[in-house]
C-alpha atoms as a PDB file:
ATOM      1  CA  UNK A   1    -122.187  39.883 341.029  1.00  0.00           C
ATOM      2  CA  UNK A   2    -120.461  36.567 341.149  1.00  0.00           C
ATOM      3  CA  UNK A   3    -116.755  36.866 340.870  1.00  0.00           C
ATOM      4  CA  UNK A   4    -114.719  34.129 339.290  1.00  0.00           C
ATOM      5  CA  UNK A   5    -112.293  32.537 341.623  1.00  0.00           C
ATOM      6  CA  UNK A   6    -108.806  33.917 341.061  1.00  0.00           C
ATOM      7  CA  UNK A   7    -105.944  31.537 340.687  1.00  0.00           C
ATOM      8  CA  UNK A   8    -102.487  32.753 341.598  1.00  0.00           C
ATOM      9  CA  UNK A   9    -100.262  30.741 339.345  1.00  0.00           C
ATOM     10  CA  UNK A  10     -97.348  33.107 339.190  1.00  0.00           C
ATOM     11  CA  UNK A  11     -96.173  32.881 342.784  1.00  0.00           C
ATOM     12  CA  UNK A  12     -92.577  33.591 343.653  1.00  0.00           C
ATOM     13  CA  UNK A  13     -91.876  29.898 344.389  1.00  0.00           C
ATOM     14  CA  UNK A  14     -93.286  28.748 341.062  1.00  0.00           C
ATOM     15  CA  UNK A  15     -91.398  31.432 339.132  1.00  0.00           C
ATOM     16  CA  UNK A  16     -88.125  30.423 340.781  1.00  0.00           C
ATOM     17  CA  UNK A  17     -88.860  26.797 339.855  1.00  0.00           C
ATOM     18  CA  UNK A  18     -89.690  27.857 336.268  1.00  0.00           C
ATOM     19  CA  UNK A  19     -86.486  29.885 335.836  1.00  0.00           C
ATOM     20  CA  UNK A  20     -84.498  26.984 337.338  1.00  0.00           C
ATOM     21  CA  UNK A  21     -85.921  24.713 334.577  1.00  0.00           C
ATOM     22  CA  UNK A  22     -85.155  27.310 331.930  1.00  0.00           C
ATOM     23  CA  UNK A  23     -81.562  27.672 333.200  1.00  0.00           C
ATOM     24  CA  UNK A  24     -81.086  23.886 333.179  1.00  0.00           C
ATOM     25  CA  UNK A  25     -82.564  23.613 329.694  1.00  0.00           C
ATOM     26  CA  UNK A  26     -80.329  26.369 328.339  1.00  0.00           C
ATOM     27  CA  UNK A  27     -77.193  25.013 329.910  1.00  0.00           C
ATOM     28  CA  UNK A  28     -77.782  21.516 328.623  1.00  0.00           C
ATOM     29  CA  UNK A  29     -79.067  22.355 325.109  1.00  0.00           C
ATOM     30  CA  UNK A  30     -77.049  25.412 324.198  1.00  0.00           C
ATOM     31  CA  UNK A  31     -73.838  23.554 323.225  1.00  0.00           C
ATOM     32  CA  UNK A  32     -75.795  21.465 320.712  1.00  0.00           C
ATOM     33  CA  UNK A  33     -77.594  24.544 319.374  1.00  0.00           C
ATOM     34  CA  UNK A  34     -74.313  26.413 318.953  1.00  0.00           C
ATOM     35  CA  UNK A  35     -72.773  23.414 317.219  1.00  0.00           C
ATOM     36  CA  UNK A  36     -75.735  23.165 314.815  1.00  0.00           C
ATOM     37  CA  UNK A  37     -75.551  26.901 314.026  1.00  0.00           C
ATOM     38  CA  UNK A  38     -71.809  26.670 313.476  1.00  0.00           C
ATOM     39  CA  UNK A  39     -72.210  23.748 311.096  1.00  0.00           C
ATOM     40  CA  UNK A  40     -74.900  25.563 309.103  1.00  0.00           C
ATOM     41  CA  UNK A  41     -72.767  28.700 308.895  1.00  0.00           C
ATOM     42  CA  UNK A  42     -69.771  26.645 307.750  1.00  0.00           C
ATOM     43  CA  UNK A  43     -71.911  24.959 305.065  1.00  0.00           C
ATOM     44  CA  UNK A  44     -73.128  28.320 303.765  1.00  0.00           C
ATOM     45  CA  UNK A  45     -69.571  29.745 303.795  1.00  0.00           C
ATOM     46  CA  UNK A  46     -68.264  26.749 301.844  1.00  0.00           C
ATOM     47  CA  UNK A  47     -71.006  27.095 299.225  1.00  0.00           C
ATOM     48  CA  UNK A  48     -70.091  30.773 298.737  1.00  0.00           C
ATOM     49  CA  UNK A  49     -66.365  30.032 298.474  1.00  0.00           C
ATOM     50  CA  UNK A  50     -66.905  27.103 296.012  1.00  0.00           C
ATOM     51  CA  UNK A  51     -69.244  29.200 293.828  1.00  0.00           C
ATOM     52  CA  UNK A  52     -66.751  32.050 293.778  1.00  0.00           C
ATOM     53  CA  UNK A  53     -63.946  29.771 292.589  1.00  0.00           C
ATOM     54  CA  UNK A  54     -66.204  28.148 289.963  1.00  0.00           C
ATOM     55  CA  UNK A  55     -67.102  31.532 288.566  1.00  0.00           C
ATOM     56  CA  UNK A  56     -63.508  32.671 288.537  1.00  0.00           C
ATOM     57  CA  UNK A  57     -62.386  29.447 286.812  1.00  0.00           C
ATOM     58  CA  UNK A  58     -65.150  29.654 284.149  1.00  0.00           C
ATOM     59  CA  UNK A  59     -64.311  33.213 283.168  1.00  0.00           C
ATOM     60  CA  UNK A  60     -61.814  33.537 280.362  1.00  0.00           C
ATOM     61  CA  UNK A  61     -60.004  36.766 281.105  1.00  0.00           C
ATOM     62  CA  UNK A  62     -58.360  36.913 277.649  1.00  0.00           C
ATOM     63  CA  UNK A  63     -61.667  37.395 275.831  1.00  0.00           C
ATOM     64  CA  UNK A  64     -63.069  40.055 278.128  1.00  0.00           C
ATOM     65  CA  UNK A  65     -60.793  42.873 277.063  1.00  0.00           C
ATOM     66  CA  UNK A  66     -59.940  43.751 273.506  1.00  0.00           C
ATOM     67  CA  UNK A  67     -56.660  45.572 273.165  1.00  0.00           C
ATOM     68  CA  UNK A  68     -53.639  45.440 270.911  1.00  0.00           C
ATOM     69  CA  UNK A  69     -50.047  45.089 271.962  1.00  0.00           C
ATOM     70  CA  UNK A  70     -47.631  46.950 269.684  1.00  0.00           C
ATOM     71  CA  UNK A  71     -43.947  46.621 269.921  1.00  0.00           C
ATOM     72  CA  UNK A  72     -41.813  49.419 268.443  1.00  0.00           C
END
């Protein structure tokens, strides 16, 4: 049988080079990614807070409960 030639791509030297590139990529990109995630989270939080205040302002609390006040 003819065997296919094997190719050793994952040598120790290449893996060290690969992880070096990954480390460099993460250390240079991670601040921008964290900033983007923080801005998205802030935007979602602001939407929730604004909607909560709008709902609270639109509710008329006097009409929700029917009760009588009697003074003796």
